[in-house]
Amino acid sequence: MPIPFIDLQAQRRRLGEPLEAAILEVVRSGAYIMGPQIAQLEAALAEFGQAPHVLSCGSGTEALVLPLMAWEIGPGDAVFCPSFTFAATAEAMPLVGASPVFVDILPDTYNMDAEHLDAAIEVVKREGKLRPKAVIAVDLFGQPADYPAISEVCRKHGLKLIADSAQGFGCTLDERHPIFWADVATTSFFPAKPLGAYGDGGAVLCKDARLHDLLVSLRVHGQAVKSDLEGRTFEHDPKYLNMRVGMNSRMDTIQAAVLLQKLSIFSDEIAARNRVADRYAQGLSDVVTVPKVIEGGVSVWAQYTIECDDRDGLAAHLKAADIPTAVYYPIPIHKQGVYSGYPVGPGGLPVTQAKAERVISLPMHPYLEPDVQDQIIAAVRAFAGRNA
């Protein structure tokens, strides 16, 4: 039987009847959009993620777009982000009319290089064509970016900081979640994420009450919120008093019900993912380049990504053994046609381009049994030995 890349069914079996009952409760209630489970989920995510405010939304992409809208970032503004990430990170800027500026990554963690970020901001300032407004750092493959260094650069230049934790919700640095340093942290609940729903969904974590108020409004077509109604009377549903241009980004109640069940075991799953990662490192570190986690960091291991000189050969070798692999971001965003006209930091992105040709991800999930993992490790080692 082929080995699954991510075994969502093992998790479903563990959650069992309470998960099915939670879904059925929503079906029977008829509150399919913004039902009571939405507020329950937002409160649970706030507690888990160490954030004063959480807003659920329709997707991880919309979670990135909403704060840009709230900050009125648009044409002529620059938002700095890595190119070695999924397109959604960079997509958020053109969706509000702003320009992404691509920054290189560190060679060991694959996350944003704070020194190159600083240099890129300085260049944009000198050129004067764009106004630097914000930075989107990415918690790639599940581990936190270097937020102390990145947030220092943001403070130096007066920029907002978004932690894109689409792959990394639950990761910590010195026991703190990314929101400790960032103005906003966002995540995705796409089913394959470490904390995934049974459909699409996302969330925005923030510290500022007024920002959260604006996000609530923008999520539902710019509806009036409490601060908009101060000193005026409106006796109708606030969604019919539209104070700003927003969008439709409401989460389905069923997804909230699923996520509440999954959140109850999430800490245990993070620990299990780290045990799997440690086992990979012990079995492979002498034959391939294995991932390095930032000092003081805890990864949620959305992927386990190694480097190999002959990546395509390894992928073919593992496929023949019924072992799935994935190659994330083989074409960096700045090299893709629709994004190729946007600026990159000074000196280009040599680390990004080099890593895009070498990385390959192995099966990773909390339910990867040791005997199955041993098969994967043995197959990788056999290929490495054959090509030594």
Protein backbone atom coordinates (compact mmCIF):
# COMPACT_ATOMS: atom_id res chain seq x y z
CA MET A 1 0.00 0.00 0.00
CA PRO A 2 1.38 3.45 -0.91
CA ILE A 3 2.54 5.60 1.98
CA PRO A 4 0.42 8.75 2.38
CA PHE A 5 2.23 12.09 2.23
CA ILE A 6 -0.15 13.46 4.88
CA ASP A 7 -2.47 11.03 6.67
CA LEU A 8 -5.63 12.99 7.44
CA GLN A 9 -7.64 9.82 7.87
CA ALA A 10 -5.53 8.71 10.84
CA GLN A 11 -6.37 11.97 12.54
CA ARG A 12 -10.07 11.58 11.69
CA ARG A 13 -10.09 8.11 13.25
CA ARG A 14 -8.47 9.46 16.40
CA LEU A 15 -11.03 12.26 16.77
CA GLY A 16 -13.83 9.78 16.12
CA GLU A 17 -17.43 10.29 17.19
CA PRO A 18 -17.03 13.75 18.82
CA LEU A 19 -15.87 15.16 15.49
CA GLU A 20 -18.78 13.64 13.62
CA ALA A 21 -21.19 14.84 16.32
CA ALA A 22 -19.81 18.39 16.08
CA ILE A 23 -20.39 18.43 12.33
CA LEU A 24 -23.88 16.99 12.68
CA GLU A 25 -24.73 19.59 15.33
CA VAL A 26 -24.05 22.35 12.79
CA VAL A 27 -26.04 20.57 10.09
CA ARG A 28 -29.02 20.24 12.42
CA SER A 29 -28.77 23.82 13.68
CA GLY A 30 -29.12 25.49 10.28
CA ALA A 31 -26.55 28.14 11.32
CA TYR A 32 -24.25 27.37 8.42
CA ILE A 33 -22.57 30.80 8.23
CA MET A 34 -21.23 32.63 11.31
CA GLY A 35 -22.91 30.25 13.76
CA PRO A 36 -21.96 30.20 17.46
CA GLN A 37 -18.96 27.93 16.83
CA ILE A 38 -17.26 30.82 15.02
CA ALA A 39 -17.00 32.93 18.19
CA GLN A 40 -15.97 29.84 20.17
CA LEU A 41 -13.18 29.12 17.69
CA GLU A 42 -11.96 32.71 17.68
CA ALA A 43 -11.73 32.68 21.48
CA ALA A 44 -9.89 29.33 21.47
CA LEU A 45 -7.44 30.50 18.81
CA ALA A 46 -6.76 33.70 20.75
CA GLU A 47 -5.94 31.72 23.88
CA PHE A 48 -3.76 29.22 22.05
CA GLY A 49 -1.99 31.82 19.88
CA GLN A 50 -1.37 34.36 22.67
CA ALA A 51 -3.35 37.08 20.87
CA PRO A 52 -5.89 39.56 22.33
CA HIS A 53 -8.05 39.45 19.19
CA VAL A 54 -8.75 36.85 16.48
CA LEU A 55 -10.88 37.15 13.36
CA SER A 56 -11.82 34.04 11.42
CA CYS A 57 -12.17 34.45 7.66
CA GLY A 58 -12.68 32.61 4.41
CA SER A 59 -9.08 31.65 3.55
CA GLY A 60 -5.45 32.20 4.37
CA THR A 61 -5.14 34.48 1.36
CA GLU A 62 -7.96 36.71 2.57
CA ALA A 63 -6.33 36.74 6.00
CA LEU A 64 -3.37 38.51 4.36
CA VAL A 65 -5.49 40.87 2.27
CA LEU A 66 -7.75 42.06 5.11
CA PRO A 67 -5.07 43.84 7.21
CA LEU A 68 -3.62 45.46 4.08
CA MET A 69 -7.10 46.83 3.39
CA ALA A 70 -7.51 47.97 6.99
CA TRP A 71 -4.21 49.85 6.82
CA GLU A 72 -5.27 51.39 3.49
CA ILE A 73 -2.21 50.02 1.70
CA GLY A 74 -2.65 50.37 -2.05
CA PRO A 75 -1.23 51.85 -5.26
CA GLY A 76 2.27 53.24 -4.89
CA ASP A 77 2.93 51.30 -1.69
CA ALA A 78 5.58 48.60 -1.27
CA VAL A 79 5.20 45.47 0.84
CA PHE A 80 8.32 43.33 1.30
CA CYS A 81 8.08 39.53 1.29
CA PRO A 82 10.12 36.46 0.38
CA SER A 83 9.93 34.90 -3.07
CA PHE A 84 10.45 31.38 -1.72
CA THR A 85 6.86 30.88 -0.59
CA PHE A 86 3.44 30.07 -2.01
CA ALA A 87 1.99 32.64 -4.41
CA ALA A 88 -0.68 33.70 -1.91
CA THR A 89 1.92 35.64 0.09
CA ALA A 90 2.76 37.91 -2.83
CA GLU A 91 -0.73 37.80 -4.34
CA ALA A 92 -2.12 39.84 -1.46
CA MET A 93 -0.31 43.00 -2.60
CA PRO A 94 -1.57 43.25 -6.19
CA LEU A 95 -5.07 42.45 -4.93
CA VAL A 96 -5.04 45.79 -3.08
CA GLY A 97 -3.06 47.58 -5.80
CA ALA A 98 0.26 47.57 -3.95
CA SER A 99 3.62 46.22 -5.12
CA PRO A 100 5.47 43.26 -3.63
CA VAL A 101 9.22 43.69 -3.25
CA PHE A 102 10.97 40.34 -3.07
CA VAL A 103 13.60 39.62 -0.43
CA ASP A 104 16.09 36.75 -0.16
CA ILE A 105 16.05 33.99 2.45
CA LEU A 106 18.54 32.53 4.91
CA PRO A 107 20.28 29.40 3.61
CA ASP A 108 19.59 27.27 6.68
CA THR A 109 15.98 28.03 7.73
CA TYR A 110 14.62 29.20 4.32
CA ASN A 111 13.01 32.16 6.07
CA MET A 112 13.41 35.87 5.38
CA ASP A 113 16.93 37.33 5.61
CA ALA A 114 16.59 40.41 7.86
CA GLU A 115 19.80 41.99 6.52
CA HIS A 116 18.62 41.71 2.93
CA LEU A 117 15.23 43.06 3.99
CA ASP A 118 16.90 46.14 5.47
CA ALA A 119 18.94 46.64 2.30
CA ALA A 120 15.86 46.25 0.09
CA ILE A 121 13.94 48.86 2.08
CA GLU A 122 16.84 51.30 1.82
CA VAL A 123 16.97 50.88 -1.96
CA VAL A 124 13.23 51.45 -2.36
CA LYS A 125 13.48 54.57 -0.22
CA ARG A 126 16.37 55.95 -2.27
CA GLU A 127 14.64 55.30 -5.57
CA GLY A 128 11.48 57.02 -4.39
CA LYS A 129 9.13 55.22 -6.76
CA LEU A 130 7.31 53.28 -4.04
CA ARG A 131 6.44 54.02 -0.41
CA PRO A 132 7.57 51.24 1.97
CA LYS A 133 4.58 50.34 4.14
CA ALA A 134 4.76 46.77 5.42
CA VAL A 135 6.65 43.49 5.61
CA ILE A 136 5.19 39.98 5.31
CA ALA A 137 7.50 37.41 6.89
CA VAL A 138 6.68 33.74 6.29
CA ASP A 139 6.95 30.86 8.77
CA LEU A 140 8.05 28.52 6.01
CA PHE A 141 7.58 24.77 6.38
CA GLY A 142 6.29 25.37 9.91
CA GLN A 143 9.06 27.18 11.77
CA PRO A 144 9.13 30.80 12.94
CA ALA A 145 11.03 33.42 11.02
CA ASP A 146 13.69 35.47 12.81
CA TYR A 147 11.14 37.87 14.29
CA PRO A 148 13.45 39.68 16.71
CA ALA A 149 15.68 40.74 13.79
CA ILE A 150 12.85 41.36 11.31
CA SER A 151 10.77 43.37 13.78
CA GLU A 152 13.81 45.52 14.57
CA VAL A 153 14.13 46.35 10.85
CA CYS A 154 10.42 47.17 10.72
CA ARG A 155 10.69 49.51 13.73
CA LYS A 156 13.72 51.20 12.18
CA HIS A 157 11.77 52.02 9.02
CA GLY A 158 8.31 52.49 10.55
CA LEU A 159 6.73 49.53 8.74
CA LYS A 160 3.88 47.22 9.72
CA LEU A 161 4.79 43.56 10.18
CA ILE A 162 2.60 40.60 9.20
CA ALA A 163 3.60 37.08 10.24
CA ASP A 164 2.33 34.77 7.51
CA SER A 165 1.84 31.61 9.55
CA ALA A 166 -0.17 29.74 6.92
CA GLN A 167 2.21 26.80 7.43
CA GLY A 168 3.35 27.70 10.91
CA PHE A 169 0.41 28.36 13.20
CA GLY A 170 1.47 27.02 16.58
CA CYS A 171 5.18 27.59 16.06
CA THR A 172 7.03 29.48 18.78
CA LEU A 173 10.30 31.31 19.31
CA ASP A 174 11.53 31.43 22.90
CA GLU A 175 8.03 30.19 23.87
CA ARG A 176 6.36 33.17 22.19
CA HIS A 177 4.08 33.03 19.18
CA PRO A 178 4.88 35.31 16.20
CA ILE A 179 2.17 37.80 17.21
CA PHE A 180 4.46 38.87 20.07
CA TRP A 181 6.62 40.68 17.48
CA ALA A 182 4.19 41.22 14.61
CA ASP A 183 1.32 43.67 14.26
CA VAL A 184 -0.71 40.86 12.72
CA ALA A 185 -0.29 37.11 12.37
CA THR A 186 -2.30 35.21 9.78
CA THR A 187 -2.93 31.56 9.14
CA SER A 188 -4.64 29.18 6.74
CA PHE A 189 -6.86 26.26 7.63
CA PHE A 190 -6.49 24.52 4.26
CA PRO A 191 -6.90 20.79 5.01
CA ALA A 192 -3.22 19.92 4.54
CA LYS A 193 -2.02 22.51 7.08
CA PRO A 194 -0.94 21.34 10.56
CA LEU A 195 -4.22 22.77 11.87
CA GLY A 196 -6.48 22.15 8.89
CA ALA A 197 -10.23 22.27 8.39
CA TYR A 198 -12.37 20.14 6.07
CA GLY A 199 -12.50 22.98 3.57
CA ASP A 200 -11.01 26.44 3.26
CA GLY A 201 -10.63 28.98 6.03
CA GLY A 202 -8.21 31.37 7.66
CA ALA A 203 -7.68 33.65 10.62
CA VAL A 204 -6.10 36.98 11.54
CA LEU A 205 -4.56 37.44 14.99
CA CYS A 206 -3.90 40.99 16.16
CA LYS A 207 -3.22 43.10 19.24
CA ASP A 208 -5.01 46.35 18.35
CA ALA A 209 -8.73 46.59 19.18
CA ARG A 210 -9.43 49.23 16.53
CA LEU A 211 -7.72 47.14 13.86
CA HIS A 212 -9.81 44.15 14.87
CA ASP A 213 -12.93 46.31 14.62
CA LEU A 214 -12.00 47.27 11.07
CA LEU A 215 -11.30 43.65 10.17
CA VAL A 216 -14.75 42.64 11.45
CA SER A 217 -16.25 45.26 9.15
CA LEU A 218 -14.14 44.40 6.12
CA ARG A 219 -14.89 40.68 6.49
CA VAL A 220 -18.58 41.29 5.80
CA HIS A 221 -18.79 43.82 2.98
CA GLY A 222 -17.67 46.80 5.06
CA GLN A 223 -20.61 46.49 7.47
CA ALA A 224 -21.04 48.94 10.32
CA VAL A 225 -19.38 47.92 13.58
CA LYS A 226 -19.85 49.25 17.09
CA SER A 227 -17.41 52.15 16.66
CA ASP A 228 -19.21 53.24 13.48
CA LEU A 229 -22.54 53.41 15.30
CA GLU A 230 -21.42 55.55 18.21
CA GLY A 231 -23.62 58.65 18.34
CA ARG A 232 -26.07 57.41 15.71
CA THR A 233 -29.11 55.17 15.57
CA PHE A 234 -29.51 52.27 13.16
CA GLU A 235 -32.20 49.78 14.13
CA HIS A 236 -31.44 47.24 11.41
CA ASP A 237 -28.87 44.55 10.73
CA PRO A 238 -25.46 46.34 10.60
CA LYS A 239 -24.56 44.49 7.41
CA TYR A 240 -27.02 46.81 5.64
CA LEU A 241 -25.11 49.92 6.70
CA ASN A 242 -21.88 49.76 4.71
CA MET A 243 -19.16 52.07 5.97
CA ARG A 244 -16.28 51.00 3.73
CA VAL A 245 -15.56 48.74 0.77
CA GLY A 246 -15.06 45.23 2.13
CA MET A 247 -15.38 41.66 0.94
CA ASN A 248 -17.19 38.41 1.71
CA SER A 249 -14.77 36.46 3.89
CA ARG A 250 -16.96 34.65 6.39
CA MET A 251 -15.96 31.18 7.59
CA ASP A 252 -18.45 28.31 7.28
CA THR A 253 -19.64 27.18 10.70
CA ILE A 254 -18.85 23.54 9.92
CA GLN A 255 -15.17 24.47 9.49
CA ALA A 256 -15.17 26.14 12.91
CA ALA A 257 -16.71 23.03 14.46
CA VAL A 258 -14.05 20.83 12.86
CA LEU A 259 -11.25 23.15 13.95
CA LEU A 260 -12.46 23.24 17.55
CA GLN A 261 -12.15 19.46 17.68
CA LYS A 262 -8.74 19.49 16.04
CA LEU A 263 -7.47 22.27 18.28
CA SER A 264 -8.17 20.07 21.31
CA ILE A 265 -5.39 17.68 20.20
CA PHE A 266 -3.16 20.19 18.40
CA SER A 267 -0.50 20.55 21.11
CA ASP A 268 -0.14 16.78 21.23
CA GLU A 269 0.15 16.63 17.44
CA ILE A 270 2.86 19.31 17.44
CA ALA A 271 4.86 17.21 19.90
CA ALA A 272 4.34 14.14 17.69
CA ARG A 273 5.47 16.06 14.60
CA ASN A 274 8.66 17.02 16.41
CA ARG A 275 9.32 13.39 17.32
CA VAL A 276 8.93 12.44 13.65
CA ALA A 277 11.27 15.28 12.62
CA ASP A 278 13.88 14.20 15.19
CA ARG A 279 13.73 10.63 13.89
CA TYR A 280 14.27 11.84 10.33
CA ALA A 281 17.24 13.95 11.41
CA GLN A 282 18.82 11.03 13.26
CA GLY A 283 18.42 8.77 10.26
CA LEU A 284 19.37 11.14 7.45
CA SER A 285 21.69 13.89 8.66
CA ASP A 286 24.82 12.07 7.50
CA VAL A 287 23.60 11.54 3.91
CA VAL A 288 21.50 14.61 2.99
CA THR A 289 21.05 18.17 4.24
CA VAL A 290 18.29 18.06 6.85
CA PRO A 291 16.30 21.06 8.12
CA LYS A 292 17.69 23.42 10.74
CA VAL A 293 15.33 25.15 13.17
CA ILE A 294 16.14 28.65 14.42
CA GLU A 295 17.69 28.69 17.90
CA GLY A 296 14.92 28.79 20.49
CA GLY A 297 12.32 27.86 17.89
CA VAL A 298 9.71 25.12 17.85
CA SER A 299 8.44 24.13 14.42
CA VAL A 300 5.05 22.61 13.70
CA TRP A 301 6.65 20.81 10.75
CA ALA A 302 4.12 21.46 8.03
CA GLN A 303 6.69 19.77 5.81
CA TYR A 304 9.95 17.92 6.34
CA THR A 305 12.18 19.34 3.65
CA ILE A 306 15.66 18.07 2.82
CA GLU A 307 18.21 19.10 0.21
CA CYS A 308 19.66 16.74 -2.38
CA ASP A 309 22.09 17.27 -5.27
CA ASP A 310 20.01 15.03 -7.52
CA ARG A 311 16.51 15.93 -6.40
CA ASP A 312 14.74 14.55 -9.46
CA GLY A 313 16.63 11.30 -9.17
CA LEU A 314 15.68 10.95 -5.52
CA ALA A 315 12.02 11.70 -6.28
CA ALA A 316 11.98 9.01 -8.97
CA HIS A 317 13.72 6.52 -6.69
CA LEU A 318 11.21 7.09 -3.89
CA LYS A 319 8.24 7.00 -6.26
CA ALA A 320 9.35 3.55 -7.44
CA ALA A 321 9.18 2.47 -3.81
CA ASP A 322 5.65 3.92 -3.42
CA ILE A 323 6.97 6.77 -1.27
CA PRO A 324 5.46 10.14 -2.18
CA THR A 325 7.44 13.38 -2.18
CA ALA A 326 6.69 17.01 -2.96
CA VAL A 327 8.78 19.82 -4.39
CA TYR A 328 7.67 23.15 -2.96
CA TYR A 329 8.28 26.31 -4.97
CA PRO A 330 10.45 24.96 -7.82
CA ILE A 331 9.94 28.32 -9.56
CA PRO A 332 10.33 31.19 -7.08
CA ILE A 333 7.58 33.80 -7.32
CA HIS A 334 9.83 36.54 -8.70
CA LYS A 335 10.69 34.25 -11.63
CA GLN A 336 7.06 33.65 -12.62
CA GLY A 337 5.78 35.78 -15.47
CA VAL A 338 2.96 37.58 -13.72
CA TYR A 339 5.28 38.62 -10.86
CA SER A 340 8.53 39.08 -12.79
CA GLY A 341 8.03 42.82 -13.21
CA TYR A 342 8.02 43.55 -9.49
CA PRO A 343 11.20 44.69 -7.71
CA VAL A 344 13.68 42.41 -5.96
CA GLY A 345 16.18 43.34 -3.28
CA PRO A 346 19.71 44.47 -4.15
CA GLY A 347 21.91 41.77 -5.65
CA GLY A 348 18.96 39.60 -6.59
CA LEU A 349 17.88 36.49 -4.71
CA PRO A 350 20.73 33.98 -5.10
CA VAL A 351 19.85 31.86 -2.05
CA THR A 352 16.21 31.61 -3.11
CA GLN A 353 17.19 30.46 -6.60
CA ALA A 354 19.72 27.92 -5.32
CA LYS A 355 17.33 26.34 -2.82
CA ALA A 356 14.51 26.12 -5.36
CA GLU A 357 16.63 23.63 -7.29
CA ARG A 358 17.55 21.41 -4.34
CA VAL A 359 14.68 21.02 -1.88
CA ILE A 360 12.37 18.03 -1.67
CA SER A 361 9.86 17.17 1.06
CA LEU A 362 9.22 13.76 2.60
CA PRO A 363 6.01 12.42 4.17
CA MET A 364 5.29 14.28 7.41
CA HIS A 365 2.35 14.06 9.81
CA PRO A 366 1.82 13.22 13.50
CA TYR A 367 0.71 9.67 12.76
CA LEU A 368 3.75 8.49 10.79
CA GLU A 369 4.55 5.12 12.34
CA PRO A 370 8.21 4.34 13.10
CA ASP A 371 8.29 1.26 10.87
CA VAL A 372 6.92 3.24 7.93
CA GLN A 373 9.34 6.07 8.61
CA ASP A 374 12.17 3.55 8.70
CA GLN A 375 11.20 2.49 5.16
CA ILE A 376 11.42 6.10 4.00
CA ILE A 377 14.76 6.67 5.71
CA ALA A 378 16.19 3.43 4.28
CA ALA A 379 15.07 4.37 0.76
CA VAL A 380 16.68 7.81 0.98
CA ARG A 381 19.87 6.34 2.36
CA ALA A 382 19.97 3.71 -0.40
CA PHE A 383 19.74 6.43 -3.04
CA ALA A 384 22.37 8.56 -1.32
CA GLY A 385 24.72 5.58 -1.03
CA ARG A 386 24.26 4.71 -4.67
CA ASN A 387 25.16 8.26 -5.66
CA ALA A 388 28.01 8.81 -3.18
